[in-house]
């Protein structure tokens, strides 16, 4: 059984530094923010010390649903006429 509990699925894909940085950013508490360079540094240090695999079924690795289209942009000429 794989680490994400799928029988016969094989080992989960190994996480690279960008994957680890993304997971760290996602796992941080809301008020705590680290810039991308610090996240990559921490991720690189972890990658040197650990073998880390992604859980493909986790919501973090799922494609995001497409955004709903916003309202159409206003016609600049119409804005000028309102003034």
Protein backbone atom coordinates (compact mmCIF):
# COMPACT_ATOMS: atom_id res chain seq x y z
CA UNK A 1 0.00 0.00 0.00
CA UNK A 2 1.28 3.46 -0.81
CA UNK A 3 1.69 6.24 1.74
CA UNK A 4 -1.53 7.90 0.58
CA UNK A 5 -3.41 4.66 1.35
CA UNK A 6 -4.05 3.62 -2.24
CA UNK A 7 -3.34 -0.09 -2.70
CA UNK A 8 -1.03 -0.85 -5.60
CA UNK A 9 -0.44 2.80 -6.43
CA UNK A 10 3.31 2.61 -5.90
CA UNK A 11 5.34 5.12 -3.95
CA UNK A 12 4.10 8.69 -3.93
CA UNK A 13 6.07 11.19 -6.03
CA UNK A 14 9.07 12.75 -4.30
CA UNK A 15 8.64 16.41 -3.46
CA UNK A 16 11.13 18.92 -4.85
CA UNK A 17 12.14 22.19 -3.19
CA UNK A 18 9.29 24.12 -4.84
CA UNK A 19 6.76 21.50 -3.64
CA UNK A 20 8.13 21.70 -0.11
CA UNK A 21 8.07 25.52 -0.14
CA UNK A 22 4.46 25.46 -1.36
CA UNK A 23 3.48 22.99 1.38
CA UNK A 24 5.25 25.10 4.03
CA UNK A 25 3.44 28.22 2.86
CA UNK A 26 0.11 26.36 2.93
CA UNK A 27 0.80 24.97 6.42
CA UNK A 28 1.79 28.27 8.08
CA UNK A 29 -0.73 29.84 10.45
CA UNK A 30 -2.66 32.70 8.88
CA UNK A 31 -0.95 35.65 10.65
CA UNK A 32 2.53 34.31 9.88
CA UNK A 33 3.84 35.14 6.43
CA UNK A 34 7.27 34.29 5.02
CA UNK A 35 8.50 35.57 1.69
CA UNK A 36 9.21 33.12 -1.12
CA UNK A 37 13.01 33.25 -0.74
CA UNK A 38 12.83 32.26 2.94
CA UNK A 39 10.36 29.47 2.18
CA UNK A 40 12.68 28.13 -0.55
CA UNK A 41 15.67 28.32 1.81
CA UNK A 42 13.85 26.34 4.51
CA UNK A 43 12.56 23.88 1.90
CA UNK A 44 16.08 23.39 0.54
CA UNK A 45 17.42 22.70 4.02
CA UNK A 46 14.68 20.15 4.63
CA UNK A 47 15.25 18.51 1.23
CA UNK A 48 18.94 18.03 2.09
CA UNK A 49 18.03 16.27 5.33
CA UNK A 50 14.81 14.40 4.56
CA UNK A 51 13.24 12.33 1.85
CA UNK A 52 9.84 13.94 1.41
CA UNK A 53 7.01 12.64 -0.72
CA UNK A 54 3.83 14.40 -1.84
CA UNK A 55 0.42 12.94 -1.09
CA UNK A 56 -1.21 13.27 -4.52
CA UNK A 57 -4.73 13.04 -3.07
CA UNK A 58 -4.21 16.05 -0.75
CA UNK A 59 -6.23 19.13 -1.77
CA UNK A 60 -3.03 21.22 -2.02
CA UNK A 61 -1.97 19.26 -5.11
CA UNK A 62 -5.37 19.28 -6.83
CA UNK A 63 -6.00 21.71 -9.68
CA UNK A 64 -7.87 24.81 -8.61
CA UNK A 65 -11.34 25.28 -10.06
CA UNK A 66 -11.53 27.97 -12.73
CA UNK A 67 -12.47 31.44 -11.53
CA UNK A 68 -15.87 32.79 -12.44
CA UNK A 69 -15.61 35.60 -14.96
CA UNK A 70 -15.89 39.07 -13.45
CA UNK A 71 -17.97 41.91 -14.79
CA UNK A 72 -16.87 43.28 -18.16
CA UNK A 73 -14.61 46.32 -17.99
CA UNK A 74 -16.35 49.64 -18.21
CA UNK A 75 -16.08 51.62 -21.41
CA UNK A 76 -13.72 54.56 -20.71
CA UNK A 77 -15.70 56.72 -23.14
CA UNK A 78 -18.88 56.15 -21.12
CA UNK A 79 -17.07 57.18 -17.93
CA UNK A 80 -15.98 60.45 -19.53
CA UNK A 81 -19.58 61.21 -20.56
CA UNK A 82 -20.80 60.77 -16.95
CA UNK A 83 -18.51 63.55 -15.63
